[in-house]
Every structure is written in C-alpha cells, then in structure tokens.
Amino acid sequence: MFRRTFWFSAGAAAGVWATTKVNRKIRQLSPESLAAQAANKAIETGHRLKDFALDVRDGMAEREAQLDEALGRHDATPPELPTQRRLAAVESGERVIYSDTTQQHPYNRNEDH
C-alpha cells in the first residue's frame, strides 16, 4: 500500500512540476512578455553604449593630457580662433558690391565662368 501511495505522490508532484514549468514557459513566450524583454534588452544596450562612450571620452582626455605633457604644452589657454571675415560694401553705380576684405586675390574666381 505504501508503494502505491509513494508512486501516486511522486506522479502528482511530477505533474504539478511539469504543469508549472509549461505555464511559466507559455507566459515567457507571450507577445507582451517578448515585447517587454526586447525593451529591457534595448535599454540595457543603450546603457552599455553610453558607458562605452564615456569610457572613450575619458580615455581621449587622458591621452590628450599625456600628449600635451610629452610635447611640453602645459598652458591652459585654448588655441586662438581664426579672425572673422568681414565684407566691405562698395557702391558701384546702382548696385552695392560686397567684397571680401581678407581675400588675397585681385579678382573674383566666380566671374571667370
């Protein structure tokens, strides 16, 4: 009698365990669950990319500091920006001609065409 009770209990437990596993797998494969898993993976990937970009930026700053030290550039002033080009207005008859005051050429290259 105990043998039959044991096997009945073992079969019932195996059935409950298998049903639980199957139901859990069905829930994991539902469209809502798959969409949530994909969204979580996308967010995780975004965080990893952000961390990678920050690591690259830190590495670039560190390497730039090493190169500045190796080249003897210890000044903290940034390099000067080029001066702004200014146009001078010259009146020629009825129309106003704008000429570039920083241009070195005595002619306009666009007039040749």
N, C-alpha and C. Protein backbone atom coordinates (compact mmCIF):
# COMPACT_ATOMS: atom_id res chain seq x y z
N MET A 1 0.80 -1.18 0.00
CA MET A 1 0.00 0.00 0.00
C MET A 1 0.85 1.27 0.00
N PHE A 2 1.94 1.23 0.77
CA PHE A 2 2.82 2.39 0.82
C PHE A 2 3.50 2.63 -0.53
N ARG A 3 3.78 1.55 -1.22
CA ARG A 3 4.43 1.68 -2.52
C ARG A 3 3.50 2.43 -3.49
N ARG A 4 2.22 2.07 -3.49
CA ARG A 4 1.27 2.74 -4.38
C ARG A 4 1.09 4.21 -3.99
N THR A 5 1.05 4.48 -2.73
CA THR A 5 0.92 5.86 -2.26
C THR A 5 2.15 6.68 -2.65
N PHE A 6 3.33 6.08 -2.51
CA PHE A 6 4.57 6.76 -2.90
C PHE A 6 4.55 7.12 -4.38
N TRP A 7 4.22 6.16 -5.24
CA TRP A 7 4.24 6.41 -6.68
C TRP A 7 3.13 7.38 -7.09
N PHE A 8 1.99 7.30 -6.42
CA PHE A 8 0.93 8.25 -6.71
C PHE A 8 1.38 9.67 -6.36
N SER A 9 2.01 9.83 -5.20
CA SER A 9 2.50 11.14 -4.77
C SER A 9 3.61 11.63 -5.70
N ALA A 10 4.53 10.73 -6.08
CA ALA A 10 5.60 11.11 -6.99
C ALA A 10 5.03 11.54 -8.34
N GLY A 11 4.03 10.83 -8.85
CA GLY A 11 3.40 11.20 -10.13
C GLY A 11 2.67 12.52 -10.05
N ALA A 12 1.99 12.75 -8.93
CA ALA A 12 1.28 14.02 -8.73
C ALA A 12 2.27 15.18 -8.65
N ALA A 13 3.35 14.97 -7.92
CA ALA A 13 4.37 16.02 -7.80
C ALA A 13 5.01 16.31 -9.16
N ALA A 14 5.30 15.25 -9.93
CA ALA A 14 5.88 15.43 -11.26
C ALA A 14 4.89 16.16 -12.17
N GLY A 15 3.63 15.86 -12.06
CA GLY A 15 2.62 16.54 -12.86
C GLY A 15 2.50 18.02 -12.52
N VAL A 16 2.51 18.32 -11.22
CA VAL A 16 2.46 19.73 -10.78
C VAL A 16 3.70 20.47 -11.25
N TRP A 17 4.86 19.83 -11.09
CA TRP A 17 6.12 20.46 -11.52
C TRP A 17 6.10 20.71 -13.03
N ALA A 18 5.69 19.73 -13.84
CA ALA A 18 5.66 19.89 -15.29
C ALA A 18 4.64 20.95 -15.70
N THR A 19 3.49 20.97 -15.07
CA THR A 19 2.48 21.98 -15.39
C THR A 19 2.98 23.38 -15.08
N THR A 20 3.66 23.52 -13.95
CA THR A 20 4.21 24.81 -13.57
C THR A 20 5.26 25.28 -14.58
N LYS A 21 6.13 24.35 -14.99
CA LYS A 21 7.17 24.69 -15.98
C LYS A 21 6.55 25.12 -17.30
N VAL A 22 5.57 24.37 -17.77
CA VAL A 22 4.92 24.68 -19.06
C VAL A 22 4.21 26.02 -18.99
N ASN A 23 3.49 26.27 -17.92
CA ASN A 23 2.78 27.55 -17.78
C ASN A 23 3.76 28.73 -17.72
N ARG A 24 4.87 28.54 -17.02
CA ARG A 24 5.88 29.59 -16.94
C ARG A 24 6.46 29.88 -18.33
N LYS A 25 6.74 28.83 -19.12
CA LYS A 25 7.30 28.99 -20.45
C LYS A 25 6.29 29.66 -21.38
N ILE A 26 5.02 29.31 -21.24
CA ILE A 26 3.97 29.93 -22.05
C ILE A 26 3.88 31.43 -21.76
N ARG A 27 3.97 31.79 -20.48
CA ARG A 27 3.96 33.21 -20.11
C ARG A 27 5.17 33.94 -20.66
N GLN A 28 6.34 33.29 -20.68
CA GLN A 28 7.55 33.91 -21.22
C GLN A 28 7.46 34.14 -22.72
N LEU A 29 6.73 33.29 -23.41
CA LEU A 29 6.63 33.39 -24.86
C LEU A 29 5.40 34.17 -25.33
N SER A 30 4.68 34.78 -24.43
CA SER A 30 3.53 35.59 -24.84
C SER A 30 4.03 36.88 -25.50
N PRO A 31 3.25 37.47 -26.39
CA PRO A 31 3.70 38.68 -27.10
C PRO A 31 4.04 39.83 -26.15
N GLU A 32 3.27 40.01 -25.09
CA GLU A 32 3.56 41.10 -24.15
C GLU A 32 4.90 40.88 -23.46
N SER A 33 5.14 39.64 -23.06
CA SER A 33 6.39 39.32 -22.38
C SER A 33 7.58 39.48 -23.32
N LEU A 34 7.43 39.04 -24.56
CA LEU A 34 8.52 39.19 -25.54
C LEU A 34 8.81 40.65 -25.81
N ALA A 35 7.77 41.48 -25.90
CA ALA A 35 7.96 42.92 -26.11
C ALA A 35 8.68 43.54 -24.92
N ALA A 36 8.31 43.16 -23.73
CA ALA A 36 8.96 43.69 -22.53
C ALA A 36 10.43 43.27 -22.47
N GLN A 37 10.70 42.00 -22.83
CA GLN A 37 12.09 41.53 -22.84
C GLN A 37 12.91 42.29 -23.87
N ALA A 38 12.34 42.53 -25.05
CA ALA A 38 13.06 43.28 -26.09
C ALA A 38 13.33 44.71 -25.64
N ALA A 39 12.35 45.33 -24.99
CA ALA A 39 12.54 46.70 -24.49
C ALA A 39 13.63 46.74 -23.42
N ASN A 40 13.63 45.76 -22.53
CA ASN A 40 14.67 45.71 -21.49
C ASN A 40 16.05 45.53 -22.10
N LYS A 41 16.15 44.67 -23.12
CA LYS A 41 17.45 44.46 -23.77
C LYS A 41 17.91 45.73 -24.48
N ALA A 42 16.97 46.45 -25.10
CA ALA A 42 17.32 47.70 -25.78
C ALA A 42 17.81 48.74 -24.78
N ILE A 43 17.15 48.84 -23.66
CA ILE A 43 17.58 49.80 -22.63
C ILE A 43 18.95 49.41 -22.09
N GLU A 44 19.15 48.13 -21.85
CA GLU A 44 20.45 47.66 -21.36
C GLU A 44 21.56 47.95 -22.37
N THR A 45 21.26 47.73 -23.65
CA THR A 45 22.25 48.01 -24.69
C THR A 45 22.55 49.51 -24.75
N GLY A 46 21.53 50.34 -24.60
CA GLY A 46 21.74 51.78 -24.58
C GLY A 46 22.63 52.21 -23.43
N HIS A 47 22.43 51.62 -22.27
CA HIS A 47 23.28 51.94 -21.12
C HIS A 47 24.72 51.50 -21.36
N ARG A 48 24.88 50.34 -21.97
CA ARG A 48 26.23 49.87 -22.27
C ARG A 48 26.93 50.78 -23.28
N LEU A 49 26.19 51.22 -24.30
CA LEU A 49 26.77 52.14 -25.29
C LEU A 49 27.14 53.47 -24.65
N LYS A 50 26.29 53.96 -23.76
CA LYS A 50 26.59 55.21 -23.07
C LYS A 50 27.85 55.06 -22.22
N ASP A 51 27.94 53.96 -21.48
CA ASP A 51 29.13 53.72 -20.67
C ASP A 51 30.38 53.62 -21.54
N PHE A 52 30.25 52.96 -22.69
CA PHE A 52 31.39 52.84 -23.61
C PHE A 52 31.80 54.22 -24.11
N ALA A 53 30.83 55.05 -24.49
CA ALA A 53 31.15 56.40 -24.99
C ALA A 53 31.84 57.23 -23.90
N LEU A 54 31.37 57.11 -22.67
CA LEU A 54 32.01 57.85 -21.57
C LEU A 54 33.43 57.35 -21.33
N ASP A 55 33.64 56.04 -21.42
CA ASP A 55 34.99 55.49 -21.26
C ASP A 55 35.91 55.98 -22.38
N VAL A 56 35.39 56.02 -23.60
CA VAL A 56 36.21 56.51 -24.72
C VAL A 56 36.56 57.98 -24.52
N ARG A 57 35.58 58.77 -24.09
CA ARG A 57 35.83 60.19 -23.86
C ARG A 57 36.88 60.40 -22.76
N ASP A 58 36.78 59.62 -21.69
CA ASP A 58 37.77 59.72 -20.62
C ASP A 58 39.16 59.31 -21.11
N GLY A 59 39.20 58.24 -21.91
CA GLY A 59 40.48 57.81 -22.48
C GLY A 59 41.08 58.84 -23.41
N MET A 60 40.23 59.50 -24.19
CA MET A 60 40.72 60.54 -25.09
C MET A 60 41.31 61.71 -24.31
N ALA A 61 40.62 62.11 -23.25
CA ALA A 61 41.11 63.23 -22.44
C ALA A 61 42.44 62.85 -21.77
N GLU A 62 42.52 61.62 -21.28
CA GLU A 62 43.76 61.17 -20.65
C GLU A 62 44.91 61.14 -21.65
N ARG A 63 44.63 60.61 -22.85
CA ARG A 63 45.68 60.53 -23.87
C ARG A 63 46.09 61.92 -24.34
N GLU A 64 45.13 62.84 -24.45
CA GLU A 64 45.46 64.20 -24.84
C GLU A 64 46.35 64.87 -23.79
N ALA A 65 46.07 64.60 -22.52
CA ALA A 65 46.91 65.15 -21.45
C ALA A 65 48.32 64.55 -21.54
N GLN A 66 48.41 63.25 -21.84
CA GLN A 66 49.74 62.64 -22.00
C GLN A 66 50.50 63.25 -23.17
N LEU A 67 49.83 63.47 -24.27
CA LEU A 67 50.48 64.06 -25.44
C LEU A 67 50.88 65.51 -25.17
N ASP A 68 50.02 66.27 -24.50
CA ASP A 68 50.37 67.64 -24.15
C ASP A 68 51.61 67.67 -23.26
N GLU A 69 51.67 66.74 -22.32
CA GLU A 69 52.83 66.68 -21.43
C GLU A 69 54.09 66.30 -22.22
N ALA A 70 53.95 65.34 -23.14
CA ALA A 70 55.10 64.91 -23.93
C ALA A 70 55.58 66.01 -24.86
N LEU A 71 54.68 66.84 -25.35
CA LEU A 71 55.05 67.91 -26.26
C LEU A 71 55.41 69.20 -25.54
N GLY A 72 55.26 69.21 -24.24
CA GLY A 72 55.62 70.38 -23.46
C GLY A 72 54.58 71.48 -23.51
N ARG A 73 53.38 71.15 -23.82
CA ARG A 73 52.31 72.15 -23.87
C ARG A 73 51.58 72.12 -22.54
N HIS A 74 52.00 72.97 -21.63
CA HIS A 74 51.41 72.99 -20.30
C HIS A 74 50.47 74.17 -20.10
N ASP A 75 50.35 75.04 -21.12
CA ASP A 75 49.49 76.20 -20.96
C ASP A 75 48.03 75.79 -21.03
N ALA A 76 47.23 76.47 -20.24
CA ALA A 76 45.82 76.11 -20.16
C ALA A 76 44.96 76.93 -21.11
N THR A 77 45.59 77.84 -21.88
CA THR A 77 44.81 78.68 -22.79
C THR A 77 44.49 77.91 -24.06
N PRO A 78 43.26 77.98 -24.51
CA PRO A 78 42.91 77.29 -25.75
C PRO A 78 43.51 78.01 -26.95
N PRO A 79 43.68 77.34 -28.06
CA PRO A 79 44.24 78.00 -29.24
C PRO A 79 43.28 79.07 -29.73
N GLU A 80 43.85 80.10 -30.38
CA GLU A 80 43.04 81.21 -30.86
C GLU A 80 42.22 80.78 -32.07
N LEU A 81 41.02 81.31 -32.13
CA LEU A 81 40.18 81.05 -33.27
C LEU A 81 40.57 81.98 -34.41
N PRO A 82 40.37 81.59 -35.66
CA PRO A 82 40.68 82.49 -36.76
C PRO A 82 39.78 83.72 -36.70
N THR A 83 40.30 84.83 -37.24
CA THR A 83 39.51 86.05 -37.20
C THR A 83 38.32 85.93 -38.13
N GLN A 84 37.29 86.70 -37.81
CA GLN A 84 36.07 86.66 -38.60
C GLN A 84 36.27 87.43 -39.89
N ARG A 85 35.80 86.86 -40.98
CA ARG A 85 35.91 87.53 -42.27
C ARG A 85 34.84 88.62 -42.35
N ARG A 86 35.24 89.78 -42.82
CA ARG A 86 34.31 90.89 -42.93
C ARG A 86 34.16 91.28 -44.39
N LEU A 87 32.95 91.64 -44.72
CA LEU A 87 32.66 92.08 -46.07
C LEU A 87 32.54 93.59 -46.08
N ALA A 88 33.19 94.22 -47.06
CA ALA A 88 33.10 95.67 -47.20
C ALA A 88 32.14 95.99 -48.34
N ALA A 89 31.23 96.91 -48.10
CA ALA A 89 30.27 97.30 -49.13
C ALA A 89 30.87 98.43 -49.95
N VAL A 90 30.88 98.25 -51.25
CA VAL A 90 31.39 99.26 -52.17
C VAL A 90 30.26 99.58 -53.14
N GLU A 91 29.92 100.86 -53.26
CA GLU A 91 28.85 101.24 -54.17
C GLU A 91 29.42 101.39 -55.56
N SER A 92 28.76 100.75 -56.52
CA SER A 92 29.18 100.83 -57.91
C SER A 92 27.96 101.15 -58.75
N GLY A 93 27.74 102.41 -58.99
CA GLY A 93 26.58 102.81 -59.78
C GLY A 93 25.31 102.57 -59.00
N GLU A 94 24.43 101.72 -59.53
CA GLU A 94 23.13 101.48 -58.93
C GLU A 94 23.15 100.34 -57.91
N ARG A 95 24.11 99.46 -57.97
CA ARG A 95 24.10 98.30 -57.09
C ARG A 95 25.24 98.36 -56.08
N VAL A 96 25.09 97.61 -55.02
CA VAL A 96 26.11 97.53 -53.97
C VAL A 96 26.86 96.23 -54.16
N ILE A 97 28.18 96.30 -54.21
CA ILE A 97 29.02 95.11 -54.36
C ILE A 97 29.69 94.85 -53.02
N TYR A 98 29.60 93.62 -52.58
CA TYR A 98 30.25 93.23 -51.33
C TYR A 98 31.55 92.52 -51.69
N SER A 99 32.63 93.04 -51.17
CA SER A 99 33.92 92.40 -51.44
C SER A 99 34.51 91.90 -50.14
N ASP A 100 35.21 90.82 -50.23
CA ASP A 100 35.84 90.19 -49.07
C ASP A 100 37.13 90.93 -48.77
N THR A 101 37.25 91.53 -47.58
CA THR A 101 38.44 92.31 -47.25
C THR A 101 39.62 91.42 -46.90
N THR A 102 39.40 90.15 -46.60
CA THR A 102 40.51 89.27 -46.25
C THR A 102 41.00 88.47 -47.44
N GLN A 103 40.34 88.61 -48.60
CA GLN A 103 40.71 87.82 -49.77
C GLN A 103 41.98 88.41 -50.39
N GLN A 104 42.90 87.55 -50.78
CA GLN A 104 44.18 87.97 -51.34
C GLN A 104 44.15 88.10 -52.86
N HIS A 105 43.15 87.54 -53.51
CA HIS A 105 43.10 87.55 -54.96
C HIS A 105 42.50 88.87 -55.46
N PRO A 106 43.07 89.47 -56.51
CA PRO A 106 42.54 90.74 -57.01
C PRO A 106 41.27 90.57 -57.85
N TYR A 107 40.85 89.36 -58.10
CA TYR A 107 39.67 89.13 -58.91
C TYR A 107 38.78 88.10 -58.23
N ASN A 108 37.54 88.04 -58.69
CA ASN A 108 36.59 87.07 -58.18
C ASN A 108 36.67 85.85 -59.08
N ARG A 109 37.00 84.72 -58.52
CA ARG A 109 37.17 83.50 -59.32
C ARG A 109 35.87 83.05 -59.97
N ASN A 110 34.74 83.45 -59.43
CA ASN A 110 33.45 83.04 -59.98
C ASN A 110 33.10 83.82 -61.24
N GLU A 111 33.75 84.95 -61.51
CA GLU A 111 33.44 85.74 -62.70
C GLU A 111 34.01 85.10 -63.97
N ASP A 112 34.97 84.23 -63.84
CA ASP A 112 35.59 83.61 -65.00
C ASP A 112 34.69 82.61 -65.67
N HIS A 113 33.66 82.18 -65.06
CA HIS A 113 32.83 81.10 -65.58
C HIS A 113 31.65 81.61 -66.32
